[in-house]
Amino acid sequence: MGLAANIIDMVVGELDRRGIARGKLRVVKITVGKLTQIVPDSLRFGLGIKAETAGFGSVDFVINEAPLKLKCGACGFESLLSRSPACEGFTMACPSCGANEPKIIGGREFSIDSIEFDD
């Protein structure tokens, strides 16, 4: 709930900075990476509660989940990790050269990408 409250505080600050009434907010787009351990449905639930108490009208919280992206330290090949580490046969070895030198280059993102409001 703390993360949701912080997001709402940032949105309120931006709306206030622009002189936009809270009731005009319609959409907040957020990106969370797979490695952040943020559960999109839980975040959306918390945002809904906090938005209501902050005096927003009906707001749609669009949460995009960024995949885990790896780059091979040996050959530079970039790939998306589509299997969960809990899956049988999980490996982070390079699908191109087989080296086991992964560098994480995506999946740690967390951002408020945009807010949309009525004119």
C-alpha atoms as a PDB file:
ATOM      1  CA  MET A   1       0.000   0.000   0.000  1.00  0.00           C
ATOM      2  CA  GLY A   2       2.973   2.295   0.622  1.00  0.00           C
ATOM      3  CA  LEU A   3       4.056   2.144  -3.017  1.00  0.00           C
ATOM      4  CA  ALA A   4       0.535   2.978  -4.180  1.00  0.00           C
ATOM      5  CA  ALA A   5       0.422   5.934  -1.786  1.00  0.00           C
ATOM      6  CA  ASN A   6       3.749   7.235  -3.115  1.00  0.00           C
ATOM      7  CA  ILE A   7       2.548   6.972  -6.717  1.00  0.00           C
ATOM      8  CA  ILE A   8      -0.656   8.837  -5.871  1.00  0.00           C
ATOM      9  CA  ASP A   9       1.398  11.522  -4.100  1.00  0.00           C
ATOM     10  CA  MET A  10       3.554  11.971  -7.213  1.00  0.00           C
ATOM     11  CA  VAL A  11       0.486  12.189  -9.458  1.00  0.00           C
ATOM     12  CA  VAL A  12      -1.158  14.715  -7.113  1.00  0.00           C
ATOM     13  CA  GLY A  13       2.034  16.777  -7.140  1.00  0.00           C
ATOM     14  CA  GLU A  14       2.105  16.817 -10.939  1.00  0.00           C
ATOM     15  CA  LEU A  15      -1.577  17.715 -11.221  1.00  0.00           C
ATOM     16  CA  ASP A  16      -1.146  20.505  -8.659  1.00  0.00           C
ATOM     17  CA  ARG A  17       1.947  21.787 -10.472  1.00  0.00           C
ATOM     18  CA  ARG A  18      -0.075  22.032 -13.680  1.00  0.00           C
ATOM     19  CA  GLY A  19      -3.176  23.467 -11.979  1.00  0.00           C
ATOM     20  CA  ILE A  20      -5.353  20.483 -12.964  1.00  0.00           C
ATOM     21  CA  ALA A  21      -8.268  19.426 -10.759  1.00  0.00           C
ATOM     22  CA  ARG A  22      -8.018  15.880  -9.376  1.00  0.00           C
ATOM     23  CA  GLY A  23     -11.404  14.928 -10.808  1.00  0.00           C
ATOM     24  CA  LYS A  24     -10.056  15.404 -14.346  1.00  0.00           C
ATOM     25  CA  LEU A  25      -7.513  12.576 -14.075  1.00  0.00           C
ATOM     26  CA  ARG A  26      -8.492   9.625 -16.292  1.00  0.00           C
ATOM     27  CA  VAL A  27      -5.468   7.351 -16.915  1.00  0.00           C
ATOM     28  CA  VAL A  28      -2.119   6.701 -15.229  1.00  0.00           C
ATOM     29  CA  LYS A  29       0.318   4.485 -17.157  1.00  0.00           C
ATOM     30  CA  ILE A  30       2.993   2.697 -15.161  1.00  0.00           C
ATOM     31  CA  THR A  31       5.786   0.274 -16.106  1.00  0.00           C
ATOM     32  CA  VAL A  32       7.119  -2.299 -13.650  1.00  0.00           C
ATOM     33  CA  GLY A  33       9.899  -4.761 -14.427  1.00  0.00           C
ATOM     34  CA  LYS A  34       9.663  -8.477 -13.700  1.00  0.00           C
ATOM     35  CA  LEU A  35      12.564  -8.207 -11.232  1.00  0.00           C
ATOM     36  CA  THR A  36      10.919  -5.505  -9.113  1.00  0.00           C
ATOM     37  CA  GLN A  37       8.724  -8.103  -7.399  1.00  0.00           C
ATOM     38  CA  ILE A  38       5.745  -5.773  -7.801  1.00  0.00           C
ATOM     39  CA  VAL A  39       2.525  -7.683  -8.439  1.00  0.00           C
ATOM     40  CA  PRO A  40       0.545  -5.617 -10.974  1.00  0.00           C
ATOM     41  CA  ASP A  41      -2.897  -6.675  -9.699  1.00  0.00           C
ATOM     42  CA  SER A  42      -1.967  -5.866  -6.100  1.00  0.00           C
ATOM     43  CA  LEU A  43      -0.548  -2.494  -7.114  1.00  0.00           C
ATOM     44  CA  ARG A  44      -3.681  -1.732  -9.154  1.00  0.00           C
ATOM     45  CA  PHE A  45      -5.853  -2.600  -6.143  1.00  0.00           C
ATOM     46  CA  GLY A  46      -3.843  -0.330  -3.830  1.00  0.00           C
ATOM     47  CA  LEU A  47      -3.884   2.484  -6.369  1.00  0.00           C
ATOM     48  CA  GLY A  48      -7.664   2.241  -6.634  1.00  0.00           C
ATOM     49  CA  ILE A  49      -8.080   2.580  -2.880  1.00  0.00           C
ATOM     50  CA  LYS A  50      -5.597   5.446  -2.581  1.00  0.00           C
ATOM     51  CA  ALA A  51      -7.070   7.251  -5.604  1.00  0.00           C
ATOM     52  CA  GLU A  52     -10.513   7.132  -4.050  1.00  0.00           C
ATOM     53  CA  THR A  53      -9.306   8.581  -0.750  1.00  0.00           C
ATOM     54  CA  ALA A  54      -7.327  11.264  -2.632  1.00  0.00           C
ATOM     55  CA  GLY A  55     -10.493  12.549  -4.284  1.00  0.00           C
ATOM     56  CA  PHE A  56      -9.948  11.302  -7.824  1.00  0.00           C
ATOM     57  CA  GLY A  57     -12.906  10.295  -9.971  1.00  0.00           C
ATOM     58  CA  SER A  58     -12.815   7.159 -12.066  1.00  0.00           C
ATOM     59  CA  VAL A  59      -9.155   6.517 -12.934  1.00  0.00           C
ATOM     60  CA  ASP A  60      -7.770   3.702 -15.083  1.00  0.00           C
ATOM     61  CA  PHE A  61      -4.366   2.461 -13.906  1.00  0.00           C
ATOM     62  CA  VAL A  62      -2.600   0.782 -16.836  1.00  0.00           C
ATOM     63  CA  ILE A  63       0.329  -1.291 -15.602  1.00  0.00           C
ATOM     64  CA  ASN A  64       2.745  -2.692 -18.174  1.00  0.00           C
ATOM     65  CA  GLU A  65       5.164  -5.392 -17.074  1.00  0.00           C
ATOM     66  CA  ALA A  66       8.657  -5.162 -18.598  1.00  0.00           C
ATOM     67  CA  PRO A  67      10.249  -8.574 -19.223  1.00  0.00           C
ATOM     68  CA  LEU A  68      13.593  -9.749 -17.936  1.00  0.00           C
ATOM     69  CA  LYS A  69      16.089  -8.923 -20.675  1.00  0.00           C
ATOM     70  CA  LEU A  70      19.571 -10.426 -20.770  1.00  0.00           C
ATOM     71  CA  LYS A  71      22.734  -9.713 -22.725  1.00  0.00           C
ATOM     72  CA  CYS A  72      25.399 -12.369 -23.139  1.00  0.00           C
ATOM     73  CA  GLY A  73      28.747 -11.291 -21.735  1.00  0.00           C
ATOM     74  CA  ALA A  74      30.548 -13.523 -24.233  1.00  0.00           C
ATOM     75  CA  CYS A  75      28.894 -12.770 -27.597  1.00  0.00           C
ATOM     76  CA  GLY A  76      26.612  -9.782 -26.863  1.00  0.00           C
ATOM     77  CA  PHE A  77      23.406 -11.558 -27.924  1.00  0.00           C
ATOM     78  CA  GLU A  78      20.315 -10.016 -26.308  1.00  0.00           C
ATOM     79  CA  SER A  79      17.346 -12.155 -25.302  1.00  0.00           C
ATOM     80  CA  LEU A  80      14.158 -12.045 -23.281  1.00  0.00           C
ATOM     81  CA  LEU A  81      13.793 -14.561 -20.497  1.00  0.00           C
ATOM     82  CA  SER A  82      10.374 -16.082 -20.987  1.00  0.00           C
ATOM     83  CA  ARG A  83      10.557 -18.983 -18.554  1.00  0.00           C
ATOM     84  CA  SER A  84      10.185 -18.583 -14.844  1.00  0.00           C
ATOM     85  CA  PRO A  85      13.212 -19.531 -12.712  1.00  0.00           C
ATOM     86  CA  ALA A  86      10.871 -21.986 -10.970  1.00  0.00           C
ATOM     87  CA  CYS A  87      10.365 -23.940 -14.229  1.00  0.00           C
ATOM     88  CA  GLU A  88      12.112 -27.246 -14.770  1.00  0.00           C
ATOM     89  CA  GLY A  89      15.058 -26.868 -17.125  1.00  0.00           C
ATOM     90  CA  PHE A  90      15.461 -23.167 -16.403  1.00  0.00           C
ATOM     91  CA  THR A  91      18.719 -21.718 -17.662  1.00  0.00           C
ATOM     92  CA  MET A  92      20.181 -18.287 -18.189  1.00  0.00           C
ATOM     93  CA  ALA A  93      22.744 -19.616 -20.666  1.00  0.00           C
ATOM     94  CA  CYS A  94      22.945 -17.727 -23.951  1.00  0.00           C
ATOM     95  CA  PRO A  95      20.643 -19.220 -26.582  1.00  0.00           C
ATOM     96  CA  SER A  96      23.133 -18.139 -29.260  1.00  0.00           C
ATOM     97  CA  CYS A  97      26.533 -19.315 -28.003  1.00  0.00           C
ATOM     98  CA  GLY A  98      25.686 -21.313 -24.854  1.00  0.00           C
ATOM     99  CA  ALA A  99      27.887 -19.229 -22.539  1.00  0.00           C
ATOM    100  CA  ASN A 100      26.624 -18.718 -19.008  1.00  0.00           C
ATOM    101  CA  GLU A 101      27.628 -15.057 -18.662  1.00  0.00           C
ATOM    102  CA  PRO A 102      24.299 -13.209 -18.516  1.00  0.00           C
ATOM    103  CA  LYS A 103      24.080  -9.507 -17.802  1.00  0.00           C
ATOM    104  CA  ILE A 104      20.687  -8.155 -16.815  1.00  0.00           C
ATOM    105  CA  ILE A 105      19.786  -5.200 -19.035  1.00  0.00           C
ATOM    106  CA  GLY A 106      16.018  -5.084 -18.486  1.00  0.00           C
ATOM    107  CA  GLY A 107      13.396  -6.054 -15.952  1.00  0.00           C
ATOM    108  CA  ARG A 108      14.281  -3.615 -13.175  1.00  0.00           C
ATOM    109  CA  GLU A 109      12.199  -0.755 -14.540  1.00  0.00           C
ATOM    110  CA  PHE A 110       9.741   1.185 -12.480  1.00  0.00           C
ATOM    111  CA  SER A 111       8.257   4.371 -13.872  1.00  0.00           C
ATOM    112  CA  ILE A 112       5.163   6.476 -14.139  1.00  0.00           C
ATOM    113  CA  ASP A 113       5.105   6.797 -17.909  1.00  0.00           C
ATOM    114  CA  SER A 114       2.202   9.184 -18.379  1.00  0.00           C
ATOM    115  CA  ILE A 115      -0.923  10.679 -16.918  1.00  0.00           C
ATOM    116  CA  GLU A 116      -3.973  11.533 -19.006  1.00  0.00           C
ATOM    117  CA  PHE A 117      -6.687  13.942 -18.003  1.00  0.00           C
ATOM    118  CA  ASP A 118      -9.708  15.760 -19.396  1.00  0.00           C
ATOM    119  CA  ASP A 119      -9.196  19.283 -20.688  1.00  0.00           C
END
